[in-house]
Amino acid sequence: MGVIGQGEGHGGVSLLHALGAGYGCSIGVNLSTKVRLRDDKPSKEVEDPNGVLDAVVAVWVEAGLEKPADELFWQVRSTVPMGVGLKSSAAIAVAAIRSLMDATKIELSNADIVDLASRAQLDAGVSLTGSVDDSWAAVEPGWKIVNPNLPAAEGVLLEGIFVEPEDWKILIIPRDERELLPNPDRFSQMAPQFEKAIAAMEQGSLLVALTENGRASANALGDAQGRRLANDLLVWGARGAGISGSGPAIAAVIPVHSELTLRRIVQLAEQRGYKTVVTDIWVE
């Protein structure tokens, strides 16, 4: 038969890191992972070093949902850089769940998808909190402040959209893949710094939240180089900049009408040897 289901999940950037802030918040960007589910083996073996796809199938079956074939195979195409804090695990988990939904014609709410994706990420060992906010950002546009200790349907504390998203560009500097998951104790110690990001979110100041969360995350990760680079991006003209997730990627927000500013920032970053990705805020 070949392809029996397909789905998509989006990458995102962090506004609140759940380990340090106690609440998580991410916003989706126009980088995505597309997954095809097959009942026969494709010519190219899929790259899934952390076993997220296997974990998705396991939690799907544990939830009592129908498996569309005895043996399942995957094809993955993604523009989300892996393992750098841009929600690649959430994107692939959501895309895989949607592929299973498509193959079985089972309808799940977005909250149910988030719960399954978060459980899969915990089981695969790619998240310490379940990345509930990342999974929400992979499922639907906008941002949500979530309590990661509650089911997805109950854990949304505050939500909204990025005001006039068409007015902004997102510049991402992926840097190298991280080697270790973050230390929860170090993030807890930075709680007072994360409070600044929480306060900014409560006031609707998303750019300030991005910056303050990034600074607190850099301190928790001991990433002085990342903090300096984010500060440089602000000096060069970005309106907000900070480490995303547990790094090492840095995301910056730049006004779309400032084409010269964007080109200058890209040029300056690349002169330092960094690769850059320019994208948009995800909207429907």
C-alpha atoms as a PDB file:
ATOM      1  CA  MET A   1       0.000   0.000   0.000  1.00  0.00           C
ATOM      2  CA  GLY A   2       2.761   2.452   0.886  1.00  0.00           C
ATOM      3  CA  VAL A   3       1.743   5.700   2.601  1.00  0.00           C
ATOM      4  CA  ILE A   4      -1.235   5.213   4.921  1.00  0.00           C
ATOM      5  CA  GLY A   5      -1.127   8.451   6.921  1.00  0.00           C
ATOM      6  CA  GLN A   6       0.622  11.798   7.173  1.00  0.00           C
ATOM      7  CA  GLY A   7       0.870  14.714   9.589  1.00  0.00           C
ATOM      8  CA  GLU A   8       2.757  17.880  10.431  1.00  0.00           C
ATOM      9  CA  GLY A   9       4.078  19.607  13.541  1.00  0.00           C
ATOM     10  CA  HIS A  10       5.767  22.985  13.884  1.00  0.00           C
ATOM     11  CA  GLY A  11       8.962  24.075  15.572  1.00  0.00           C
ATOM     12  CA  GLY A  12       8.997  27.004  17.973  1.00  0.00           C
ATOM     13  CA  VAL A  13      10.947  29.274  20.273  1.00  0.00           C
ATOM     14  CA  SER A  14      10.730  29.672  24.033  1.00  0.00           C
ATOM     15  CA  LEU A  15       9.177  32.535  25.938  1.00  0.00           C
ATOM     16  CA  LEU A  16       9.253  30.752  29.322  1.00  0.00           C
ATOM     17  CA  HIS A  17      11.390  27.747  30.275  1.00  0.00           C
ATOM     18  CA  ALA A  18       9.313  25.428  32.475  1.00  0.00           C
ATOM     19  CA  LEU A  19      12.294  24.200  34.517  1.00  0.00           C
ATOM     20  CA  GLY A  20      13.156  27.679  35.717  1.00  0.00           C
ATOM     21  CA  ALA A  21       9.855  29.521  35.569  1.00  0.00           C
ATOM     22  CA  GLY A  22       7.627  26.685  36.742  1.00  0.00           C
ATOM     23  CA  TYR A  23       5.392  27.457  33.776  1.00  0.00           C
ATOM     24  CA  GLY A  24       6.223  26.873  30.128  1.00  0.00           C
ATOM     25  CA  CYS A  25       5.442  28.998  27.090  1.00  0.00           C
ATOM     26  CA  SER A  26       6.536  28.647  23.473  1.00  0.00           C
ATOM     27  CA  ILE A  27       5.363  30.120  20.190  1.00  0.00           C
ATOM     28  CA  GLY A  28       5.360  28.325  16.847  1.00  0.00           C
ATOM     29  CA  VAL A  29       7.411  29.457  13.870  1.00  0.00           C
ATOM     30  CA  ASN A  30       7.296  28.561  10.182  1.00  0.00           C
ATOM     31  CA  LEU A  31       9.677  25.635  10.492  1.00  0.00           C
ATOM     32  CA  SER A  32       7.958  22.275  10.439  1.00  0.00           C
ATOM     33  CA  THR A  33       8.332  18.515  10.463  1.00  0.00           C
ATOM     34  CA  LYS A  34       6.249  16.426   8.066  1.00  0.00           C
ATOM     35  CA  VAL A  35       5.834  12.739   8.756  1.00  0.00           C
ATOM     36  CA  ARG A  36       4.482  10.008   6.522  1.00  0.00           C
ATOM     37  CA  LEU A  37       3.388   6.692   7.980  1.00  0.00           C
ATOM     38  CA  ARG A  38       3.861   3.622   5.782  1.00  0.00           C
ATOM     39  CA  ASP A  39       2.999  -0.047   5.975  1.00  0.00           C
ATOM     40  CA  ASP A  40       6.044  -0.997   3.889  1.00  0.00           C
ATOM     41  CA  LYS A  41       9.711  -0.197   4.301  1.00  0.00           C
ATOM     42  CA  PRO A  42      10.905   2.954   2.480  1.00  0.00           C
ATOM     43  CA  SER A  43      14.160   3.012   0.563  1.00  0.00           C
ATOM     44  CA  LYS A  44      15.752   5.404   3.068  1.00  0.00           C
ATOM     45  CA  GLU A  45      15.792   4.618   6.765  1.00  0.00           C
ATOM     46  CA  VAL A  46      14.452   7.398   8.972  1.00  0.00           C
ATOM     47  CA  GLU A  47      16.795   9.235  11.350  1.00  0.00           C
ATOM     48  CA  ASP A  48      15.317   9.219  14.846  1.00  0.00           C
ATOM     49  CA  PRO A  49      18.303   8.942  17.207  1.00  0.00           C
ATOM     50  CA  ASN A  50      16.243   9.541  20.345  1.00  0.00           C
ATOM     51  CA  GLY A  51      13.506   7.051  19.545  1.00  0.00           C
ATOM     52  CA  VAL A  52      10.662   9.578  19.612  1.00  0.00           C
ATOM     53  CA  LEU A  53       8.734   7.763  16.871  1.00  0.00           C
ATOM     54  CA  ASP A  54       8.876   4.451  18.747  1.00  0.00           C
ATOM     55  CA  ALA A  55       7.758   6.256  21.896  1.00  0.00           C
ATOM     56  CA  VAL A  56       4.799   7.770  20.020  1.00  0.00           C
ATOM     57  CA  VAL A  57       3.638   4.341  18.879  1.00  0.00           C
ATOM     58  CA  ALA A  58       4.024   3.002  22.434  1.00  0.00           C
ATOM     59  CA  VAL A  59       1.941   5.755  24.057  1.00  0.00           C
ATOM     60  CA  TRP A  60      -0.639   5.487  21.255  1.00  0.00           C
ATOM     61  CA  VAL A  61      -1.112   1.780  21.986  1.00  0.00           C
ATOM     62  CA  GLU A  62      -1.041   2.355  25.767  1.00  0.00           C
ATOM     63  CA  ALA A  63      -3.896   4.827  25.312  1.00  0.00           C
ATOM     64  CA  GLY A  64      -5.969   2.012  23.822  1.00  0.00           C
ATOM     65  CA  LEU A  65      -5.907   3.445  20.309  1.00  0.00           C
ATOM     66  CA  GLU A  66      -5.900   1.312  17.176  1.00  0.00           C
ATOM     67  CA  LYS A  67      -2.596   0.537  15.490  1.00  0.00           C
ATOM     68  CA  PRO A  68      -3.115   0.885  11.723  1.00  0.00           C
ATOM     69  CA  ALA A  69      -0.757  -1.973  10.771  1.00  0.00           C
ATOM     70  CA  ASP A  70       1.245  -4.679  12.521  1.00  0.00           C
ATOM     71  CA  GLU A  71       4.514  -3.133  11.392  1.00  0.00           C
ATOM     72  CA  LEU A  72       4.895   0.603  10.907  1.00  0.00           C
ATOM     73  CA  PHE A  73       7.515   2.554   8.966  1.00  0.00           C
ATOM     74  CA  TRP A  74       8.162   6.279   8.816  1.00  0.00           C
ATOM     75  CA  GLN A  75       9.349   8.951   6.445  1.00  0.00           C
ATOM     76  CA  VAL A  76      10.352  12.323   7.898  1.00  0.00           C
ATOM     77  CA  ARG A  77      11.100  15.657   6.251  1.00  0.00           C
ATOM     78  CA  SER A  78      11.939  18.541   8.530  1.00  0.00           C
ATOM     79  CA  THR A  79      13.167  22.115   8.441  1.00  0.00           C
ATOM     80  CA  VAL A  80      13.438  22.237  12.253  1.00  0.00           C
ATOM     81  CA  PRO A  81      17.071  22.017  13.414  1.00  0.00           C
ATOM     82  CA  MET A  82      17.385  19.043  15.783  1.00  0.00           C
ATOM     83  CA  GLY A  83      18.524  19.082  19.383  1.00  0.00           C
ATOM     84  CA  VAL A  84      19.114  22.820  19.748  1.00  0.00           C
ATOM     85  CA  GLY A  85      16.035  24.071  21.623  1.00  0.00           C
ATOM     86  CA  LEU A  86      13.720  24.739  18.669  1.00  0.00           C
ATOM     87  CA  LYS A  87      11.141  22.077  19.640  1.00  0.00           C
ATOM     88  CA  SER A  88      12.128  19.435  17.074  1.00  0.00           C
ATOM     89  CA  SER A  89      11.059  16.592  19.382  1.00  0.00           C
ATOM     90  CA  ALA A  90       7.628  18.117  19.920  1.00  0.00           C
ATOM     91  CA  ALA A  91       7.277  18.728  16.183  1.00  0.00           C
ATOM     92  CA  ILE A  92       8.061  15.135  15.227  1.00  0.00           C
ATOM     93  CA  ALA A  93       5.895  13.718  18.025  1.00  0.00           C
ATOM     94  CA  VAL A  94       2.896  15.816  16.987  1.00  0.00           C
ATOM     95  CA  ALA A  95       3.438  15.019  13.308  1.00  0.00           C
ATOM     96  CA  ALA A  96       3.642  11.283  14.063  1.00  0.00           C
ATOM     97  CA  ILE A  97       0.458  11.351  16.153  1.00  0.00           C
ATOM     98  CA  ARG A  98      -1.357  13.164  13.362  1.00  0.00           C
ATOM     99  CA  SER A  99      -0.092  10.517  10.926  1.00  0.00           C
ATOM    100  CA  LEU A 100      -1.561   7.793  13.142  1.00  0.00           C
ATOM    101  CA  MET A 101      -4.821   9.742  13.331  1.00  0.00           C
ATOM    102  CA  ASP A 102      -4.899  10.042   9.555  1.00  0.00           C
ATOM    103  CA  ALA A 103      -4.190   6.330   9.084  1.00  0.00           C
ATOM    104  CA  THR A 104      -6.859   5.190  11.560  1.00  0.00           C
ATOM    105  CA  LYS A 105      -9.396   7.995  11.007  1.00  0.00           C
ATOM    106  CA  ILE A 106      -9.384   8.567  14.769  1.00  0.00           C
ATOM    107  CA  GLU A 107     -10.228  12.129  15.790  1.00  0.00           C
ATOM    108  CA  LEU A 108      -8.366  13.588  18.777  1.00  0.00           C
ATOM    109  CA  SER A 109      -8.582  17.076  20.232  1.00  0.00           C
ATOM    110  CA  ASN A 110      -5.459  19.239  20.205  1.00  0.00           C
ATOM    111  CA  ALA A 111      -5.256  18.792  23.977  1.00  0.00           C
ATOM    112  CA  ASP A 112      -5.244  15.003  23.545  1.00  0.00           C
ATOM    113  CA  ILE A 113      -2.488  15.294  20.935  1.00  0.00           C
ATOM    114  CA  VAL A 114      -0.452  17.433  23.329  1.00  0.00           C
ATOM    115  CA  ASP A 115      -0.862  14.901  26.147  1.00  0.00           C
ATOM    116  CA  LEU A 116       0.301  12.019  23.954  1.00  0.00           C
ATOM    117  CA  ALA A 117       3.204  14.013  22.487  1.00  0.00           C
ATOM    118  CA  SER A 118       4.360  15.112  25.931  1.00  0.00           C
ATOM    119  CA  ARG A 119       4.209  11.557  27.282  1.00  0.00           C
ATOM    120  CA  ALA A 120       6.202  10.293  24.301  1.00  0.00           C
ATOM    121  CA  GLN A 121       8.906  12.919  24.836  1.00  0.00           C
ATOM    122  CA  LEU A 122       9.213  11.975  28.508  1.00  0.00           C
ATOM    123  CA  ASP A 123       9.430   8.283  27.650  1.00  0.00           C
ATOM    124  CA  ALA A 124      12.050   8.964  24.967  1.00  0.00           C
ATOM    125  CA  GLY A 125      14.131  10.923  27.473  1.00  0.00           C
ATOM    126  CA  VAL A 126      14.252  14.096  25.378  1.00  0.00           C
ATOM    127  CA  SER A 127      12.428  16.241  27.937  1.00  0.00           C
ATOM    128  CA  LEU A 128      12.499  16.653  31.704  1.00  0.00           C
ATOM    129  CA  THR A 129       9.130  18.397  31.918  1.00  0.00           C
ATOM    130  CA  GLY A 130       7.169  16.795  29.076  1.00  0.00           C
ATOM    131  CA  SER A 131       7.504  19.944  26.973  1.00  0.00           C
ATOM    132  CA  VAL A 132       3.774  20.600  27.114  1.00  0.00           C
ATOM    133  CA  ASP A 133       4.238  24.179  25.908  1.00  0.00           C
ATOM    134  CA  ASP A 134       6.398  22.976  23.015  1.00  0.00           C
ATOM    135  CA  SER A 135       3.723  20.483  21.979  1.00  0.00           C
ATOM    136  CA  TRP A 136       1.055  23.205  22.048  1.00  0.00           C
ATOM    137  CA  ALA A 137       3.300  25.350  19.826  1.00  0.00           C
ATOM    138  CA  ALA A 138       3.699  22.390  17.463  1.00  0.00           C
ATOM    139  CA  VAL A 139      -0.077  21.818  17.302  1.00  0.00           C
ATOM    140  CA  GLU A 140      -1.516  25.310  16.852  1.00  0.00           C
ATOM    141  CA  PRO A 141      -0.385  28.923  16.350  1.00  0.00           C
ATOM    142  CA  GLY A 142      -0.129  31.459  19.160  1.00  0.00           C
ATOM    143  CA  TRP A 143       1.294  31.117  22.647  1.00  0.00           C
ATOM    144  CA  LYS A 144       0.059  29.478  25.839  1.00  0.00           C
ATOM    145  CA  ILE A 145       1.419  29.718  29.361  1.00  0.00           C
ATOM    146  CA  VAL A 146       0.946  26.216  30.715  1.00  0.00           C
ATOM    147  CA  ASN A 147       1.321  24.331  33.960  1.00  0.00           C
ATOM    148  CA  PRO A 148       3.260  21.224  32.893  1.00  0.00           C
ATOM    149  CA  ASN A 149       1.977  19.248  35.873  1.00  0.00           C
ATOM    150  CA  LEU A 150      -1.635  19.277  34.686  1.00  0.00           C
ATOM    151  CA  PRO A 151      -3.342  17.573  31.735  1.00  0.00           C
ATOM    152  CA  ALA A 152      -3.165  19.758  28.649  1.00  0.00           C
ATOM    153  CA  ALA A 153      -6.870  20.575  28.656  1.00  0.00           C
ATOM    154  CA  GLU A 154      -6.630  21.906  32.234  1.00  0.00           C
ATOM    155  CA  GLY A 155      -3.150  23.398  32.266  1.00  0.00           C
ATOM    156  CA  VAL A 156      -3.507  26.489  30.057  1.00  0.00           C
ATOM    157  CA  LEU A 157      -3.256  29.521  32.343  1.00  0.00           C
ATOM    158  CA  LEU A 158      -3.064  32.293  29.769  1.00  0.00           C
ATOM    159  CA  GLU A 159      -2.976  32.378  25.973  1.00  0.00           C
ATOM    160  CA  GLY A 160      -2.768  34.805  23.100  1.00  0.00           C
ATOM    161  CA  ILE A 161      -1.277  35.555  19.713  1.00  0.00           C
ATOM    162  CA  PHE A 162       1.799  37.465  18.677  1.00  0.00           C
ATOM    163  CA  VAL A 163       0.491  40.948  17.894  1.00  0.00           C
ATOM    164  CA  GLU A 164       0.753  41.747  14.169  1.00  0.00           C
ATOM    165  CA  PRO A 165       2.971  38.722  13.409  1.00  0.00           C
ATOM    166  CA  GLU A 166       3.379  39.798   9.780  1.00  0.00           C
ATOM    167  CA  ASP A 167       5.457  42.749  11.021  1.00  0.00           C
ATOM    168  CA  TRP A 168       8.268  40.560  12.339  1.00  0.00           C
ATOM    169  CA  LYS A 169      10.954  38.179  11.173  1.00  0.00           C
ATOM    170  CA  ILE A 170      12.477  35.480  13.363  1.00  0.00           C
ATOM    171  CA  LEU A 171      16.241  35.082  13.031  1.00  0.00           C
ATOM    172  CA  ILE A 172      17.613  31.845  14.432  1.00  0.00           C
ATOM    173  CA  ILE A 173      21.239  30.967  15.086  1.00  0.00           C
ATOM    174  CA  PRO A 174      21.197  27.196  15.745  1.00  0.00           C
ATOM    175  CA  ARG A 175      24.831  26.747  16.903  1.00  0.00           C
ATOM    176  CA  ASP A 176      25.814  23.130  17.728  1.00  0.00           C
ATOM    177  CA  GLU A 177      23.609  20.351  19.081  1.00  0.00           C
ATOM    178  CA  ARG A 178      23.541  20.144  22.861  1.00  0.00           C
ATOM    179  CA  GLU A 179      25.321  17.199  24.455  1.00  0.00           C
ATOM    180  CA  LEU A 180      23.501  17.059  27.820  1.00  0.00           C
ATOM    181  CA  LEU A 181      20.040  17.814  29.152  1.00  0.00           C
ATOM    182  CA  PRO A 182      19.905  20.800  31.519  1.00  0.00           C
ATOM    183  CA  ASN A 183      20.416  20.480  35.258  1.00  0.00           C
ATOM    184  CA  PRO A 184      17.084  21.118  37.067  1.00  0.00           C
ATOM    185  CA  ASP A 185      18.863  22.405  40.189  1.00  0.00           C
ATOM    186  CA  ARG A 186      20.665  25.121  38.249  1.00  0.00           C
ATOM    187  CA  PHE A 187      17.404  26.212  36.663  1.00  0.00           C
ATOM    188  CA  SER A 188      15.673  26.305  40.063  1.00  0.00           C
ATOM    189  CA  GLN A 189      18.428  28.545  41.387  1.00  0.00           C
ATOM    190  CA  MET A 190      17.657  31.039  38.618  1.00  0.00           C
ATOM    191  CA  ALA A 191      13.954  31.269  39.529  1.00  0.00           C
ATOM    192  CA  PRO A 192      14.183  34.966  40.542  1.00  0.00           C
ATOM    193  CA  GLN A 193      15.585  35.782  37.086  1.00  0.00           C
ATOM    194  CA  PHE A 194      12.842  33.808  35.365  1.00  0.00           C
ATOM    195  CA  GLU A 195      10.311  35.860  37.339  1.00  0.00           C
ATOM    196  CA  LYS A 196      11.200  38.816  35.094  1.00  0.00           C
ATOM    197  CA  ALA A 197      10.108  36.823  32.056  1.00  0.00           C
ATOM    198  CA  ILE A 198       6.875  35.762  33.788  1.00  0.00           C
ATOM    199  CA  ALA A 199       6.089  39.383  34.660  1.00  0.00           C
ATOM    200  CA  ALA A 200       6.712  40.418  31.072  1.00  0.00           C
ATOM    201  CA  MET A 201       4.346  37.734  29.779  1.00  0.00           C
ATOM    202  CA  GLU A 202       1.644  38.854  32.212  1.00  0.00           C
ATOM    203  CA  GLN A 203       1.996  42.371  30.811  1.00  0.00           C
ATOM    204  CA  GLY A 204       1.874  41.142  27.224  1.00  0.00           C
ATOM    205  CA  SER A 205       5.500  42.094  26.545  1.00  0.00           C
ATOM    206  CA  LEU A 206       6.532  39.026  24.561  1.00  0.00           C
ATOM    207  CA  LEU A 207       9.793  40.499  23.281  1.00  0.00           C
ATOM    208  CA  VAL A 208      10.907  41.331  26.812  1.00  0.00           C
ATOM    209  CA  ALA A 209       9.911  37.831  27.934  1.00  0.00           C
ATOM    210  CA  LEU A 210      11.955  36.262  25.132  1.00  0.00           C
ATOM    211  CA  THR A 211      14.987  38.292  26.177  1.00  0.00           C
ATOM    212  CA  GLU A 212      14.686  37.821  29.947  1.00  0.00           C
ATOM    213  CA  ASN A 213      13.928  34.115  29.641  1.00  0.00           C
ATOM    214  CA  GLY A 214      16.940  33.745  27.367  1.00  0.00           C
ATOM    215  CA  ARG A 215      19.227  35.513  29.833  1.00  0.00           C
ATOM    216  CA  ALA A 216      18.034  33.371  32.737  1.00  0.00           C
ATOM    217  CA  SER A 217      18.410  30.206  30.635  1.00  0.00           C
ATOM    218  CA  ALA A 218      21.947  31.214  29.610  1.00  0.00           C
ATOM    219  CA  ASN A 219      22.881  31.623  33.272  1.00  0.00           C
ATOM    220  CA  ALA A 220      21.289  28.285  34.187  1.00  0.00           C
ATOM    221  CA  LEU A 221      23.157  26.567  31.361  1.00  0.00           C
ATOM    222  CA  GLY A 222      26.441  28.349  32.051  1.00  0.00           C
ATOM    223  CA  ASP A 223      26.345  29.608  28.468  1.00  0.00           C
ATOM    224  CA  ALA A 224      28.169  32.932  28.717  1.00  0.00           C
ATOM    225  CA  GLN A 225      28.926  32.898  24.988  1.00  0.00           C
ATOM    226  CA  GLY A 226      25.232  32.521  24.185  1.00  0.00           C
ATOM    227  CA  ARG A 227      24.281  35.383  26.454  1.00  0.00           C
ATOM    228  CA  ARG A 228      26.895  37.641  24.835  1.00  0.00           C
ATOM    229  CA  LEU A 229      25.689  36.721  21.357  1.00  0.00           C
ATOM    230  CA  ALA A 230      22.060  37.455  22.279  1.00  0.00           C
ATOM    231  CA  ASN A 231      23.126  40.833  23.679  1.00  0.00           C
ATOM    232  CA  ASP A 232      25.040  41.549  20.467  1.00  0.00           C
ATOM    233  CA  LEU A 233      21.910  40.796  18.426  1.00  0.00           C
ATOM    234  CA  LEU A 234      20.045  43.399  20.487  1.00  0.00           C
ATOM    235  CA  VAL A 235      22.810  45.941  19.929  1.00  0.00           C
ATOM    236  CA  TRP A 236      22.728  45.206  16.200  1.00  0.00           C
ATOM    237  CA  GLY A 237      18.999  45.962  15.995  1.00  0.00           C
ATOM    238  CA  ALA A 238      16.918  42.993  17.184  1.00  0.00           C
ATOM    239  CA  ARG A 239      13.932  43.914  19.384  1.00  0.00           C
ATOM    240  CA  GLY A 240      14.195  40.746  21.443  1.00  0.00           C
ATOM    241  CA  ALA A 241      16.782  37.955  21.579  1.00  0.00           C
ATOM    242  CA  GLY A 242      17.609  35.002  23.781  1.00  0.00           C
ATOM    243  CA  ILE A 243      18.437  31.329  24.048  1.00  0.00           C
ATOM    244  CA  SER A 244      15.493  29.129  23.096  1.00  0.00           C
ATOM    245  CA  GLY A 245      14.617  26.099  25.190  1.00  0.00           C
ATOM    246  CA  SER A 246      17.715  24.540  26.713  1.00  0.00           C
ATOM    247  CA  GLY A 247      19.821  25.954  23.923  1.00  0.00           C
ATOM    248  CA  PRO A 248      22.129  26.375  22.337  1.00  0.00           C
ATOM    249  CA  ALA A 249      20.005  27.985  19.595  1.00  0.00           C
ATOM    250  CA  ILE A 250      19.372  31.717  19.862  1.00  0.00           C
ATOM    251  CA  ALA A 251      16.222  33.336  18.495  1.00  0.00           C
ATOM    252  CA  ALA A 252      15.881  37.034  17.699  1.00  0.00           C
ATOM    253  CA  VAL A 253      12.873  39.082  16.604  1.00  0.00           C
ATOM    254  CA  ILE A 254      13.476  41.781  13.987  1.00  0.00           C
ATOM    255  CA  PRO A 255      10.979  44.214  12.407  1.00  0.00           C
ATOM    256  CA  VAL A 256      10.141  43.060   8.884  1.00  0.00           C
ATOM    257  CA  HIS A 257      10.344  46.591   7.488  1.00  0.00           C
ATOM    258  CA  SER A 258      13.994  46.869   8.612  1.00  0.00           C
ATOM    259  CA  GLU A 259      15.461  44.891   5.731  1.00  0.00           C
ATOM    260  CA  LEU A 260      18.828  46.592   6.081  1.00  0.00           C
ATOM    261  CA  THR A 261      18.913  45.717   9.777  1.00  0.00           C
ATOM    262  CA  LEU A 262      18.097  42.079   9.068  1.00  0.00           C
ATOM    263  CA  ARG A 263      20.750  41.822   6.364  1.00  0.00           C
ATOM    264  CA  ARG A 264      23.323  43.483   8.606  1.00  0.00           C
ATOM    265  CA  ILE A 265      22.582  41.124  11.507  1.00  0.00           C
ATOM    266  CA  VAL A 266      22.801  38.070   9.251  1.00  0.00           C
ATOM    267  CA  GLN A 267      26.071  39.321   7.802  1.00  0.00           C
ATOM    268  CA  LEU A 268      27.592  40.082  11.202  1.00  0.00           C
ATOM    269  CA  ALA A 269      26.555  36.694  12.585  1.00  0.00           C
ATOM    270  CA  GLU A 270      27.929  34.841   9.576  1.00  0.00           C
ATOM    271  CA  GLN A 271      31.174  36.788   9.780  1.00  0.00           C
ATOM    272  CA  ARG A 272      31.586  35.211  13.221  1.00  0.00           C
ATOM    273  CA  GLY A 273      31.087  31.776  11.710  1.00  0.00           C
ATOM    274  CA  TYR A 274      27.456  31.218  12.692  1.00  0.00           C
ATOM    275  CA  LYS A 275      24.829  29.753  10.413  1.00  0.00           C
ATOM    276  CA  THR A 276      21.515  31.631  10.349  1.00  0.00           C
ATOM    277  CA  VAL A 277      17.900  30.731   9.602  1.00  0.00           C
ATOM    278  CA  VAL A 278      15.315  33.415   8.838  1.00  0.00           C
ATOM    279  CA  THR A 279      11.658  32.522   9.249  1.00  0.00           C
ATOM    280  CA  ASP A 280       8.271  33.886  10.338  1.00  0.00           C
ATOM    281  CA  ILE A 281       5.857  33.476  13.200  1.00  0.00           C
ATOM    282  CA  TRP A 282       3.427  30.677  12.405  1.00  0.00           C
ATOM    283  CA  VAL A 283      -0.122  31.841  11.737  1.00  0.00           C
ATOM    284  CA  GLU A 284      -3.070  30.014  10.212  1.00  0.00           C
END
